Amino acid sequence: MDKSERLPGVSSDNCPPVIVTDTRSDIRRARIRATFRDLGQLLFLGAIDYFFFNWPLAHIPFLSRGASAFVVVLLNAIILTHVIMMRMLPRMRAKRIAATWRLSERARFFATTRQP
């Protein structure tokens, strides 16, 4: 930080930031929960697909077998798109916000490695 950006009398040398909490374990636990939730949704979706396509009499009431299959395929596409976008959207938003930062902040953001 340049001296011109600080208030008079403020020095950054003798006042390092104090870490109050370590959120790595919380973030890891949230990522694991999200992964299990996504896997559960995909397994449930696979079970429904298996049941629907292997049992010839399965259909949505008041729809033919072909129309029911179209609805199932459409819902599969919607659910898969939802799962993928929920993983990609936060990363895309973070990059968009980071585009407004100074070059040094942006370099630090893009240089960090993802922690498991």
PDB file of N, CA and C in Angstrom:
ATOM      1  N   MET A   1       0.848  -1.161   0.000  1.00  0.00           N
ATOM      2  CA  MET A   1       0.000   0.000   0.000  1.00  0.00           C
ATOM      3  C   MET A   1       0.899   1.232   0.000  1.00  0.00           C
ATOM      4  N   ASP A   2       0.613   2.145  -0.898  1.00  0.00           N
ATOM      5  CA  ASP A   2       1.385   3.380  -0.956  1.00  0.00           C
ATOM      6  C   ASP A   2       1.117   4.235   0.265  1.00  0.00           C
ATOM      7  N   LYS A   3       2.114   5.050   0.604  1.00  0.00           N
ATOM      8  CA  LYS A   3       1.960   5.933   1.751  1.00  0.00           C
ATOM      9  C   LYS A   3       0.895   6.985   1.492  1.00  0.00           C
ATOM     10  N   SER A   4       0.704   7.338   0.221  1.00  0.00           N
ATOM     11  CA  SER A   4      -0.306   8.347  -0.107  1.00  0.00           C
ATOM     12  C   SER A   4      -1.727   7.831   0.096  1.00  0.00           C
ATOM     13  N   GLU A   5      -1.915   6.521   0.127  1.00  0.00           N
ATOM     14  CA  GLU A   5      -3.248   5.957   0.305  1.00  0.00           C
ATOM     15  C   GLU A   5      -3.656   5.844   1.766  1.00  0.00           C
ATOM     16  N   ARG A   6      -2.707   5.992   2.687  1.00  0.00           N
ATOM     17  CA  ARG A   6      -3.013   5.871   4.117  1.00  0.00           C
ATOM     18  C   ARG A   6      -3.264   7.229   4.725  1.00  0.00           C
ATOM     19  N   LEU A   7      -3.929   7.225   5.845  1.00  0.00           N
ATOM     20  CA  LEU A   7      -4.140   8.452   6.596  1.00  0.00           C
ATOM     21  C   LEU A   7      -2.834   8.881   7.255  1.00  0.00           C
ATOM     22  N   PRO A   8      -2.685  10.155   7.557  1.00  0.00           N
ATOM     23  CA  PRO A   8      -1.455  10.604   8.217  1.00  0.00           C
ATOM     24  C   PRO A   8      -1.284   9.914   9.564  1.00  0.00           C
ATOM     25  N   GLY A   9      -0.078   9.437   9.832  1.00  0.00           N
ATOM     26  CA  GLY A   9       0.217   8.801  11.105  1.00  0.00           C
ATOM     27  C   GLY A   9      -0.072   7.310  11.139  1.00  0.00           C
ATOM     28  N   VAL A  10      -0.615   6.756  10.075  1.00  0.00           N
ATOM     29  CA  VAL A  10      -0.954   5.329  10.041  1.00  0.00           C
ATOM     30  C   VAL A  10       0.182   4.581   9.361  1.00  0.00           C
ATOM     31  N   SER A  11       0.633   3.530  10.007  1.00  0.00           N
ATOM     32  CA  SER A  11       1.707   2.716   9.462  1.00  0.00           C
ATOM     33  C   SER A  11       1.240   1.274   9.407  1.00  0.00           C
ATOM     34  N   SER A  12       1.578   0.586   8.325  1.00  0.00           N
ATOM     35  CA  SER A  12       1.165  -0.816   8.206  1.00  0.00           C
ATOM     36  C   SER A  12       2.251  -1.774   8.681  1.00  0.00           C
ATOM     37  N   ASP A  13       3.414  -1.262   9.072  1.00  0.00           N
ATOM     38  CA  ASP A  13       4.521  -2.117   9.466  1.00  0.00           C
ATOM     39  C   ASP A  13       4.313  -2.791  10.817  1.00  0.00           C
ATOM     40  N   ASN A  14       3.802  -2.090  11.789  1.00  0.00           N
ATOM     41  CA  ASN A  14       3.728  -2.637  13.134  1.00  0.00           C
ATOM     42  C   ASN A  14       2.334  -3.105  13.529  1.00  0.00           C
ATOM     43  N   CYS A  15       1.434  -3.237  12.590  1.00  0.00           N
ATOM     44  CA  CYS A  15       0.071  -3.659  12.928  1.00  0.00           C
ATOM     45  C   CYS A  15      -0.413  -4.726  11.937  1.00  0.00           C
ATOM     46  N   PRO A  16       0.095  -5.959  12.058  1.00  0.00           N
ATOM     47  CA  PRO A  16      -0.366  -6.997  11.142  1.00  0.00           C
ATOM     48  C   PRO A  16      -1.807  -7.398  11.467  1.00  0.00           C
ATOM     49  N   PRO A  17      -2.549  -7.886  10.476  1.00  0.00           N
ATOM     50  CA  PRO A  17      -3.922  -8.309  10.750  1.00  0.00           C
ATOM     51  C   PRO A  17      -3.952  -9.537  11.662  1.00  0.00           C
ATOM     52  N   VAL A  18      -4.927  -9.557  12.524  1.00  0.00           N
ATOM     53  CA  VAL A  18      -5.090 -10.676  13.447  1.00  0.00           C
ATOM     54  C   VAL A  18      -6.134 -11.627  12.875  1.00  0.00           C
ATOM     55  N   ILE A  19      -5.789 -12.898  12.773  1.00  0.00           N
ATOM     56  CA  ILE A  19      -6.728 -13.889  12.268  1.00  0.00           C
ATOM     57  C   ILE A  19      -7.629 -14.313  13.420  1.00  0.00           C
ATOM     58  N   VAL A  20      -8.900 -14.043  13.266  1.00  0.00           N
ATOM     59  CA  VAL A  20      -9.854 -14.335  14.328  1.00  0.00           C
ATOM     60  C   VAL A  20     -10.366 -15.764  14.225  1.00  0.00           C
ATOM     61  N   THR A  21     -10.612 -16.202  13.006  1.00  0.00           N
ATOM     62  CA  THR A  21     -11.150 -17.541  12.817  1.00  0.00           C
ATOM     63  C   THR A  21     -10.543 -18.163  11.571  1.00  0.00           C
ATOM     64  N   ASP A  22     -10.468 -19.458  11.564  1.00  0.00           N
ATOM     65  CA  ASP A  22      -9.965 -20.179  10.403  1.00  0.00           C
ATOM     66  C   ASP A  22     -11.153 -20.894   9.769  1.00  0.00           C
ATOM     67  N   THR A  23     -11.519 -20.471   8.578  1.00  0.00           N
ATOM     68  CA  THR A  23     -12.727 -20.994   7.940  1.00  0.00           C
ATOM     69  C   THR A  23     -12.456 -22.133   6.965  1.00  0.00           C
ATOM     70  N   ARG A  24     -11.212 -22.585   6.877  1.00  0.00           N
ATOM     71  CA  ARG A  24     -10.914 -23.649   5.916  1.00  0.00           C
ATOM     72  C   ARG A  24     -11.723 -24.909   6.174  1.00  0.00           C
ATOM     73  N   SER A  25     -11.861 -25.288   7.435  1.00  0.00           N
ATOM     74  CA  SER A  25     -12.621 -26.513   7.730  1.00  0.00           C
ATOM     75  C   SER A  25     -14.106 -26.331   7.411  1.00  0.00           C
ATOM     76  N   ASP A  26     -14.647 -25.125   7.665  1.00  0.00           N
ATOM     77  CA  ASP A  26     -16.047 -24.875   7.332  1.00  0.00           C
ATOM     78  C   ASP A  26     -16.276 -24.908   5.830  1.00  0.00           C
ATOM     79  N   ILE A  27     -15.353 -24.328   5.087  1.00  0.00           N
ATOM     80  CA  ILE A  27     -15.470 -24.333   3.632  1.00  0.00           C
ATOM     81  C   ILE A  27     -15.361 -25.756   3.102  1.00  0.00           C
ATOM     82  N   ARG A  28     -14.414 -26.538   3.626  1.00  0.00           N
ATOM     83  CA  ARG A  28     -14.257 -27.930   3.192  1.00  0.00           C
ATOM     84  C   ARG A  28     -15.519 -28.731   3.506  1.00  0.00           C
ATOM     85  N   ARG A  29     -16.082 -28.536   4.698  1.00  0.00           N
ATOM     86  CA  ARG A  29     -17.299 -29.254   5.081  1.00  0.00           C
ATOM     87  C   ARG A  29     -18.478 -28.857   4.177  1.00  0.00           C
ATOM     88  N   ALA A  30     -18.583 -27.569   3.833  1.00  0.00           N
ATOM     89  CA  ALA A  30     -19.662 -27.122   2.945  1.00  0.00           C
ATOM     90  C   ALA A  30     -19.491 -27.705   1.544  1.00  0.00           C
ATOM     91  N   ARG A  31     -18.252 -27.791   1.065  1.00  0.00           N
ATOM     92  CA  ARG A  31     -18.018 -28.379  -0.256  1.00  0.00           C
ATOM     93  C   ARG A  31     -18.353 -29.859  -0.265  1.00  0.00           C
ATOM     94  N   ILE A  32     -18.016 -30.563   0.808  1.00  0.00           N
ATOM     95  CA  ILE A  32     -18.339 -31.992   0.898  1.00  0.00           C
ATOM     96  C   ILE A  32     -19.847 -32.191   0.930  1.00  0.00           C
ATOM     97  N   ARG A  33     -20.555 -31.370   1.725  1.00  0.00           N
ATOM     98  CA  ARG A  33     -22.017 -31.459   1.774  1.00  0.00           C
ATOM     99  C   ARG A  33     -22.637 -31.194   0.411  1.00  0.00           C
ATOM    100  N   ALA A  34     -22.123 -30.179  -0.291  1.00  0.00           N
ATOM    101  CA  ALA A  34     -22.657 -29.862  -1.617  1.00  0.00           C
ATOM    102  C   ALA A  34     -22.391 -31.000  -2.590  1.00  0.00           C
ATOM    103  N   THR A  35     -21.223 -31.619  -2.498  1.00  0.00           N
ATOM    104  CA  THR A  35     -20.908 -32.746  -3.375  1.00  0.00           C
ATOM    105  C   THR A  35     -21.842 -33.921  -3.108  1.00  0.00           C
ATOM    106  N   PHE A  36     -22.078 -34.228  -1.829  1.00  0.00           N
ATOM    107  CA  PHE A  36     -23.004 -35.322  -1.506  1.00  0.00           C
ATOM    108  C   PHE A  36     -24.424 -34.995  -1.949  1.00  0.00           C
ATOM    109  N   ARG A  37     -24.842 -33.746  -1.803  1.00  0.00           N
ATOM    110  CA  ARG A  37     -26.175 -33.344  -2.240  1.00  0.00           C
ATOM    111  C   ARG A  37     -26.308 -33.507  -3.760  1.00  0.00           C
ATOM    112  N   ASP A  38     -25.278 -33.074  -4.493  1.00  0.00           N
ATOM    113  CA  ASP A  38     -25.312 -33.231  -5.947  1.00  0.00           C
ATOM    114  C   ASP A  38     -25.311 -34.704  -6.342  1.00  0.00           C
ATOM    115  N   LEU A  39     -24.475 -35.505  -5.696  1.00  0.00           N
ATOM    116  CA  LEU A  39     -24.462 -36.941  -5.991  1.00  0.00           C
ATOM    117  C   LEU A  39     -25.801 -37.592  -5.682  1.00  0.00           C
ATOM    118  N   GLY A  40     -26.420 -37.197  -4.570  1.00  0.00           N
ATOM    119  CA  GLY A  40     -27.739 -37.724  -4.227  1.00  0.00           C
ATOM    120  C   GLY A  40     -28.783 -37.376  -5.270  1.00  0.00           C
ATOM    121  N   GLN A  41     -28.751 -36.111  -5.745  1.00  0.00           N
ATOM    122  CA  GLN A  41     -29.697 -35.713  -6.787  1.00  0.00           C
ATOM    123  C   GLN A  41     -29.472 -36.508  -8.072  1.00  0.00           C
ATOM    124  N   LEU A  42     -28.213 -36.671  -8.441  1.00  0.00           N
ATOM    125  CA  LEU A  42     -27.920 -37.404  -9.680  1.00  0.00           C
ATOM    126  C   LEU A  42     -28.245 -38.891  -9.557  1.00  0.00           C
ATOM    127  N   LEU A  43     -27.989 -39.489  -8.386  1.00  0.00           N
ATOM    128  CA  LEU A  43     -28.371 -40.896  -8.194  1.00  0.00           C
ATOM    129  C   LEU A  43     -29.889 -41.071  -8.222  1.00  0.00           C
ATOM    130  N   PHE A  44     -30.612 -40.150  -7.604  1.00  0.00           N
ATOM    131  CA  PHE A  44     -32.069 -40.197  -7.627  1.00  0.00           C
ATOM    132  C   PHE A  44     -32.582 -40.039  -9.048  1.00  0.00           C
ATOM    133  N   LEU A  45     -31.967 -39.126  -9.799  1.00  0.00           N
ATOM    134  CA  LEU A  45     -32.343 -38.932 -11.193  1.00  0.00           C
ATOM    135  C   LEU A  45     -32.069 -40.190 -12.011  1.00  0.00           C
ATOM    136  N   GLY A  46     -30.919 -40.820 -11.773  1.00  0.00           N
ATOM    137  CA  GLY A  46     -30.589 -42.059 -12.477  1.00  0.00           C
ATOM    138  C   GLY A  46     -31.549 -43.183 -12.133  1.00  0.00           C
ATOM    139  N   ALA A  47     -31.956 -43.268 -10.863  1.00  0.00           N
ATOM    140  CA  ALA A  47     -32.910 -44.307 -10.460  1.00  0.00           C
ATOM    141  C   ALA A  47     -34.259 -44.101 -11.134  1.00  0.00           C
ATOM    142  N   ILE A  48     -34.708 -42.871 -11.207  1.00  0.00           N
ATOM    143  CA  ILE A  48     -35.984 -42.590 -11.875  1.00  0.00           C
ATOM    144  C   ILE A  48     -35.891 -42.922 -13.356  1.00  0.00           C
ATOM    145  N   ASP A  49     -34.774 -42.548 -13.984  1.00  0.00           N
ATOM    146  CA  ASP A  49     -34.592 -42.867 -15.396  1.00  0.00           C
ATOM    147  C   ASP A  49     -34.564 -44.376 -15.621  1.00  0.00           C
ATOM    148  N   TYR A  50     -33.843 -45.080 -14.779  1.00  0.00           N
ATOM    149  CA  TYR A  50     -33.770 -46.536 -14.906  1.00  0.00           C
ATOM    150  C   TYR A  50     -35.172 -47.145 -14.775  1.00  0.00           C
ATOM    151  N   PHE A  51     -35.912 -46.698 -13.776  1.00  0.00           N
ATOM    152  CA  PHE A  51     -37.273 -47.206 -13.565  1.00  0.00           C
ATOM    153  C   PHE A  51     -38.159 -46.885 -14.762  1.00  0.00           C
ATOM    154  N   PHE A  52     -38.088 -45.648 -15.238  1.00  0.00           N
ATOM    155  CA  PHE A  52     -38.969 -45.231 -16.327  1.00  0.00           C
ATOM    156  C   PHE A  52     -38.668 -45.961 -17.626  1.00  0.00           C
ATOM    157  N   PHE A  53     -37.394 -46.044 -18.004  1.00  0.00           N
ATOM    158  CA  PHE A  53     -37.061 -46.607 -19.311  1.00  0.00           C
ATOM    159  C   PHE A  53     -37.022 -48.129 -19.318  1.00  0.00           C
ATOM    160  N   ASN A  54     -36.978 -48.797 -18.162  1.00  0.00           N
ATOM    161  CA  ASN A  54     -36.978 -50.259 -18.131  1.00  0.00           C
ATOM    162  C   ASN A  54     -38.341 -50.852 -17.814  1.00  0.00           C
ATOM    163  N   TRP A  55     -39.285 -50.043 -17.441  1.00  0.00           N
ATOM    164  CA  TRP A  55     -40.644 -50.535 -17.197  1.00  0.00           C
ATOM    165  C   TRP A  55     -41.542 -49.963 -18.282  1.00  0.00           C
ATOM    166  N   PRO A  56     -41.999 -50.793 -19.227  1.00  0.00           N
ATOM    167  CA  PRO A  56     -42.700 -50.280 -20.412  1.00  0.00           C
ATOM    168  C   PRO A  56     -44.051 -49.618 -20.109  1.00  0.00           C
ATOM    169  N   LEU A  57     -44.654 -49.895 -18.989  1.00  0.00           N
ATOM    170  CA  LEU A  57     -45.956 -49.295 -18.689  1.00  0.00           C
ATOM    171  C   LEU A  57     -45.851 -47.971 -17.932  1.00  0.00           C
ATOM    172  N   ALA A  58     -44.640 -47.532 -17.629  1.00  0.00           N
ATOM    173  CA  ALA A  58     -44.475 -46.278 -16.896  1.00  0.00           C
ATOM    174  C   ALA A  58     -44.742 -45.094 -17.818  1.00  0.00           C
ATOM    175  N   HIS A  59     -45.594 -44.191 -17.363  1.00  0.00           N
ATOM    176  CA  HIS A  59     -45.863 -42.960 -18.102  1.00  0.00           C
ATOM    177  C   HIS A  59     -46.515 -41.961 -17.158  1.00  0.00           C
ATOM    178  N   ILE A  60     -46.518 -40.708 -17.562  1.00  0.00           N
ATOM    179  CA  ILE A  60     -47.179 -39.665 -16.792  1.00  0.00           C
ATOM    180  C   ILE A  60     -48.665 -39.743 -17.129  1.00  0.00           C
ATOM    181  N   PRO A  61     -49.537 -39.668 -16.126  1.00  0.00           N
ATOM    182  CA  PRO A  61     -50.975 -39.752 -16.417  1.00  0.00           C
ATOM    183  C   PRO A  61     -51.405 -38.704 -17.447  1.00  0.00           C
ATOM    184  N   PHE A  62     -52.278 -39.108 -18.340  1.00  0.00           N
ATOM    185  CA  PHE A  62     -52.834 -38.287 -19.418  1.00  0.00           C
ATOM    186  C   PHE A  62     -51.816 -37.950 -20.504  1.00  0.00           C
ATOM    187  N   LEU A  63     -50.628 -38.561 -20.487  1.00  0.00           N
ATOM    188  CA  LEU A  63     -49.648 -38.389 -21.553  1.00  0.00           C
ATOM    189  C   LEU A  63     -49.293 -39.759 -22.115  1.00  0.00           C
ATOM    190  N   SER A  64     -48.937 -39.764 -23.386  1.00  0.00           N
ATOM    191  CA  SER A  64     -48.516 -41.025 -24.003  1.00  0.00           C
ATOM    192  C   SER A  64     -47.107 -41.371 -23.512  1.00  0.00           C
ATOM    193  N   ARG A  65     -46.658 -42.566 -23.866  1.00  0.00           N
ATOM    194  CA  ARG A  65     -45.319 -43.013 -23.462  1.00  0.00           C
ATOM    195  C   ARG A  65     -44.243 -42.117 -24.079  1.00  0.00           C
ATOM    196  N   GLY A  66     -44.410 -41.735 -25.330  1.00  0.00           N
ATOM    197  CA  GLY A  66     -43.440 -40.868 -25.998  1.00  0.00           C
ATOM    198  C   GLY A  66     -43.392 -39.472 -25.380  1.00  0.00           C
ATOM    199  N   ALA A  67     -44.552 -38.905 -25.084  1.00  0.00           N
ATOM    200  CA  ALA A  67     -44.594 -37.581 -24.455  1.00  0.00           C
ATOM    201  C   ALA A  67     -44.014 -37.649 -23.041  1.00  0.00           C
ATOM    202  N   SER A  68     -44.277 -38.734 -22.332  1.00  0.00           N
ATOM    203  CA  SER A  68     -43.713 -38.903 -20.989  1.00  0.00           C
ATOM    204  C   SER A  68     -42.193 -39.009 -21.053  1.00  0.00           C
ATOM    205  N   ALA A  69     -41.681 -39.730 -22.047  1.00  0.00           N
ATOM    206  CA  ALA A  69     -40.224 -39.843 -22.208  1.00  0.00           C
ATOM    207  C   ALA A  69     -39.616 -38.480 -22.524  1.00  0.00           C
ATOM    208  N   PHE A  70     -40.309 -37.683 -23.345  1.00  0.00           N
ATOM    209  CA  PHE A  70     -39.824 -36.335 -23.641  1.00  0.00           C
ATOM    210  C   PHE A  70     -39.764 -35.480 -22.380  1.00  0.00           C
ATOM    211  N   VAL A  71     -40.776 -35.567 -21.531  1.00  0.00           N
ATOM    212  CA  VAL A  71     -40.796 -34.810 -20.275  1.00  0.00           C
ATOM    213  C   VAL A  71     -39.655 -35.258 -19.365  1.00  0.00           C
ATOM    214  N   VAL A  72     -39.406 -36.549 -19.287  1.00  0.00           N
ATOM    215  CA  VAL A  72     -38.320 -37.064 -18.453  1.00  0.00           C
ATOM    216  C   VAL A  72     -36.970 -36.574 -18.971  1.00  0.00           C
ATOM    217  N   VAL A  73     -36.756 -36.617 -20.277  1.00  0.00           N
ATOM    218  CA  VAL A  73     -35.497 -36.146 -20.857  1.00  0.00           C
ATOM    219  C   VAL A  73     -35.342 -34.640 -20.629  1.00  0.00           C
ATOM    220  N   LEU A  74     -36.417 -33.888 -20.780  1.00  0.00           N
ATOM    221  CA  LEU A  74     -36.377 -32.440 -20.544  1.00  0.00           C
ATOM    222  C   LEU A  74     -36.037 -32.127 -19.084  1.00  0.00           C
ATOM    223  N   LEU A  75     -36.648 -32.841 -18.161  1.00  0.00           N
ATOM    224  CA  LEU A  75     -36.338 -32.637 -16.742  1.00  0.00           C
ATOM    225  C   LEU A  75     -34.899 -33.041 -16.415  1.00  0.00           C
ATOM    226  N   ASN A  76     -34.390 -34.091 -17.056  1.00  0.00           N
ATOM    227  CA  ASN A  76     -32.980 -34.463 -16.878  1.00  0.00           C
ATOM    228  C   ASN A  76     -32.065 -33.324 -17.310  1.00  0.00           C
ATOM    229  N   ALA A  77     -32.355 -32.737 -18.465  1.00  0.00           N
ATOM    230  CA  ALA A  77     -31.542 -31.629 -18.957  1.00  0.00           C
ATOM    231  C   ALA A  77     -31.598 -30.439 -18.011  1.00  0.00           C
ATOM    232  N   ILE A  78     -32.771 -30.133 -17.476  1.00  0.00           N
ATOM    233  CA  ILE A  78     -32.918 -29.008 -16.548  1.00  0.00           C
ATOM    234  C   ILE A  78     -32.136 -29.264 -15.264  1.00  0.00           C
ATOM    235  N   ILE A  79     -32.240 -30.456 -14.714  1.00  0.00           N
ATOM    236  CA  ILE A  79     -31.554 -30.763 -13.462  1.00  0.00           C
ATOM    237  C   ILE A  79     -30.037 -30.778 -13.656  1.00  0.00           C
ATOM    238  N   LEU A  80     -29.553 -31.355 -14.749  1.00  0.00           N
ATOM    239  CA  LEU A  80     -28.116 -31.362 -15.019  1.00  0.00           C
ATOM    240  C   LEU A  80     -27.589 -29.945 -15.233  1.00  0.00           C
ATOM    241  N   THR A  81     -28.340 -29.113 -15.937  1.00  0.00           N
ATOM    242  CA  THR A  81     -27.947 -27.714 -16.124  1.00  0.00           C
ATOM    243  C   THR A  81     -27.893 -26.996 -14.779  1.00  0.00           C
ATOM    244  N   HIS A  82     -28.855 -27.261 -13.924  1.00  0.00           N
ATOM    245  CA  HIS A  82     -28.872 -26.643 -12.600  1.00  0.00           C
ATOM    246  C   HIS A  82     -27.644 -27.048 -11.782  1.00  0.00           C
ATOM    247  N   VAL A  83     -27.320 -28.324 -11.776  1.00  0.00           N
ATOM    248  CA  VAL A  83     -26.168 -28.810 -11.010  1.00  0.00           C
ATOM    249  C   VAL A  83     -24.877 -28.189 -11.529  1.00  0.00           C
ATOM    250  N   ILE A  84     -24.720 -28.136 -12.843  1.00  0.00           N
ATOM    251  CA  ILE A  84     -23.499 -27.569 -13.417  1.00  0.00           C
ATOM    252  C   ILE A  84     -23.416 -26.072 -13.149  1.00  0.00           C
ATOM    253  N   MET A  85     -24.514 -25.352 -13.323  1.00  0.00           N
ATOM    254  CA  MET A  85     -24.482 -23.896 -13.127  1.00  0.00           C
ATOM    255  C   MET A  85     -24.264 -23.516 -11.666  1.00  0.00           C
ATOM    256  N   MET A  86     -24.745 -24.318 -10.739  1.00  0.00           N
ATOM    257  CA  MET A  86     -24.520 -23.990  -9.333  1.00  0.00           C
ATOM    258  C   MET A  86     -23.054 -24.143  -8.953  1.00  0.00           C
ATOM    259  N   ARG A  87     -22.298 -24.886  -9.740  1.00  0.00           N
ATOM    260  CA  ARG A  87     -20.855 -25.005  -9.510  1.00  0.00           C
ATOM    261  C   ARG A  87     -20.084 -23.918 -10.252  1.00  0.00           C
ATOM    262  N   MET A  88     -20.585 -23.477 -11.410  1.00  0.00           N
ATOM    263  CA  MET A  88     -19.841 -22.517 -12.231  1.00  0.00           C
ATOM    264  C   MET A  88     -20.199 -21.059 -11.947  1.00  0.00           C
ATOM    265  N   LEU A  89     -21.432 -20.790 -11.543  1.00  0.00           N
ATOM    266  CA  LEU A  89     -21.892 -19.417 -11.385  1.00  0.00           C
ATOM    267  C   LEU A  89     -21.102 -18.623 -10.343  1.00  0.00           C
ATOM    268  N   PRO A  90     -20.827 -19.163  -9.152  1.00  0.00           N
ATOM    269  CA  PRO A  90     -20.034 -18.376  -8.191  1.00  0.00           C
ATOM    270  C   PRO A  90     -18.641 -18.040  -8.711  1.00  0.00           C
ATOM    271  N   ARG A  91     -18.020 -18.964  -9.420  1.00  0.00           N
ATOM    272  CA  ARG A  91     -16.690 -18.709  -9.975  1.00  0.00           C
ATOM    273  C   ARG A  91     -16.757 -17.609 -11.026  1.00  0.00           C
ATOM    274  N   MET A  92     -17.798 -17.622 -11.879  1.00  0.00           N
ATOM    275  CA  MET A  92     -17.938 -16.587 -12.905  1.00  0.00           C
ATOM    276  C   MET A  92     -18.204 -15.230 -12.269  1.00  0.00           C
ATOM    277  N   ARG A  93     -19.018 -15.180 -11.223  1.00  0.00           N
ATOM    278  CA  ARG A  93     -19.281 -13.910 -10.540  1.00  0.00           C
ATOM    279  C   ARG A  93     -18.035 -13.373  -9.866  1.00  0.00           C
ATOM    280  N   ALA A  94     -17.247 -14.250  -9.270  1.00  0.00           N
ATOM    281  CA  ALA A  94     -16.014 -13.812  -8.616  1.00  0.00           C
ATOM    282  C   ALA A  94     -15.043 -13.225  -9.630  1.00  0.00           C
ATOM    283  N   LYS A  95     -14.949 -13.820 -10.796  1.00  0.00           N
ATOM    284  CA  LYS A  95     -14.062 -13.282 -11.828  1.00  0.00           C
ATOM    285  C   LYS A  95     -14.564 -11.930 -12.327  1.00  0.00           C
ATOM    286  N   ARG A  96     -15.886 -11.772 -12.432  1.00  0.00           N
ATOM    287  CA  ARG A  96     -16.444 -10.490 -12.876  1.00  0.00           C
ATOM    288  C   ARG A  96     -16.175  -9.400 -11.850  1.00  0.00           C
ATOM    289  N   ILE A  97     -16.306  -9.720 -10.576  1.00  0.00           N
ATOM    290  CA  ILE A  97     -16.021  -8.742  -9.530  1.00  0.00           C
ATOM    291  C   ILE A  97     -14.536  -8.439  -9.474  1.00  0.00           C
ATOM    292  N   ALA A  98     -13.711  -9.455  -9.646  1.00  0.00           N
ATOM    293  CA  ALA A  98     -12.267  -9.264  -9.598  1.00  0.00           C
ATOM    294  C   ALA A  98     -11.777  -8.399 -10.753  1.00  0.00           C
ATOM    295  N   ALA A  99     -12.535  -8.315 -11.827  1.00  0.00           N
ATOM    296  CA  ALA A  99     -12.132  -7.479 -12.963  1.00  0.00           C
ATOM    297  C   ALA A  99     -12.126  -6.001 -12.596  1.00  0.00           C
ATOM    298  N   THR A 100     -12.810  -5.614 -11.521  1.00  0.00           N
ATOM    299  CA  THR A 100     -12.842  -4.211 -11.103  1.00  0.00           C
ATOM    300  C   THR A 100     -11.719  -3.869 -10.130  1.00  0.00           C
ATOM    301  N   TRP A 101     -10.918  -4.831  -9.729  1.00  0.00           N
ATOM    302  CA  TRP A 101      -9.854  -4.607  -8.758  1.00  0.00           C
ATOM    303  C   TRP A 101      -8.611  -4.027  -9.416  1.00  0.00           C
ATOM    304  N   ARG A 102      -7.700  -3.552  -8.570  1.00  0.00           N
ATOM    305  CA  ARG A 102      -6.402  -3.110  -9.069  1.00  0.00           C
ATOM    306  C   ARG A 102      -5.630  -4.312  -9.588  1.00  0.00           C
ATOM    307  N   LEU A 103      -4.589  -4.033 -10.369  1.00  0.00           N
ATOM    308  CA  LEU A 103      -3.815  -5.129 -10.961  1.00  0.00           C
ATOM    309  C   LEU A 103      -3.163  -6.014  -9.911  1.00  0.00           C
ATOM    310  N   SER A 104      -2.654  -5.419  -8.820  1.00  0.00           N
ATOM    311  CA  SER A 104      -2.006  -6.236  -7.790  1.00  0.00           C
ATOM    312  C   SER A 104      -3.016  -7.151  -7.095  1.00  0.00           C
ATOM    313  N   GLU A 105      -4.222  -6.625  -6.816  1.00  0.00           N
ATOM    314  CA  GLU A 105      -5.247  -7.458  -6.189  1.00  0.00           C
ATOM    315  C   GLU A 105      -5.711  -8.560  -7.137  1.00  0.00           C
ATOM    316  N   ARG A 106      -5.867  -8.212  -8.392  1.00  0.00           N
ATOM    317  CA  ARG A 106      -6.301  -9.188  -9.384  1.00  0.00           C
ATOM    318  C   ARG A 106      -5.264 -10.298  -9.549  1.00  0.00           C
ATOM    319  N   ALA A 107      -4.000  -9.940  -9.572  1.00  0.00           N
ATOM    320  CA  ALA A 107      -2.937 -10.943  -9.706  1.00  0.00           C
ATOM    321  C   ALA A 107      -2.928 -11.875  -8.504  1.00  0.00           C
ATOM    322  N   ARG A 108      -3.141 -11.329  -7.310  1.00  0.00           N
ATOM    323  CA  ARG A 108      -3.170 -12.163  -6.116  1.00  0.00           C
ATOM    324  C   ARG A 108      -4.365 -13.109  -6.137  1.00  0.00           C
ATOM    325  N   PHE A 109      -5.521 -12.630  -6.621  1.00  0.00           N
ATOM    326  CA  PHE A 109      -6.727 -13.460  -6.670  1.00  0.00           C
ATOM    327  C   PHE A 109      -6.560 -14.617  -7.649  1.00  0.00           C
ATOM    328  N   PHE A 110      -6.034 -14.337  -8.840  1.00  0.00           N
ATOM    329  CA  PHE A 110      -5.910 -15.382  -9.851  1.00  0.00           C
ATOM    330  C   PHE A 110      -4.710 -16.287  -9.607  1.00  0.00           C
ATOM    331  N   ALA A 111      -3.770 -15.858  -8.768  1.00  0.00           N
ATOM    332  CA  ALA A 111      -2.575 -16.681  -8.497  1.00  0.00           C
ATOM    333  C   ALA A 111      -2.817 -17.696  -7.402  1.00  0.00           C
ATOM    334  N   THR A 112      -3.854 -17.518  -6.585  1.00  0.00           N
ATOM    335  CA  THR A 112      -4.088 -18.448  -5.486  1.00  0.00           C
ATOM    336  C   THR A 112      -4.569 -19.785  -6.020  1.00  0.00           C
ATOM    337  N   THR A 113      -4.154 -20.828  -5.340  1.00  0.00           N
ATOM    338  CA  THR A 113      -4.574 -22.168  -5.709  1.00  0.00           C
ATOM    339  C   THR A 113      -5.794 -22.547  -4.903  1.00  0.00           C
ATOM    340  N   ARG A 114      -6.633 -23.365  -5.478  1.00  0.00           N
ATOM    341  CA  ARG A 114      -7.823 -23.834  -4.768  1.00  0.00           C
ATOM    342  C   ARG A 114      -7.417 -24.845  -3.726  1.00  0.00           C
ATOM    343  N   GLN A 115      -7.949 -24.679  -2.525  1.00  0.00           N
ATOM    344  CA  GLN A 115      -7.659 -25.628  -1.463  1.00  0.00           C
ATOM    345  C   GLN A 115      -8.778 -26.665  -1.430  1.00  0.00           C
ATOM    346  N   PRO A 116      -8.432 -27.921  -1.205  1.00  0.00           N
ATOM    347  CA  PRO A 116      -9.456 -28.970  -1.212  1.00  0.00           C
ATOM    348  C   PRO A 116     -10.430 -28.842  -0.074  1.00  0.00           C
TER     349      PRO A 116
END
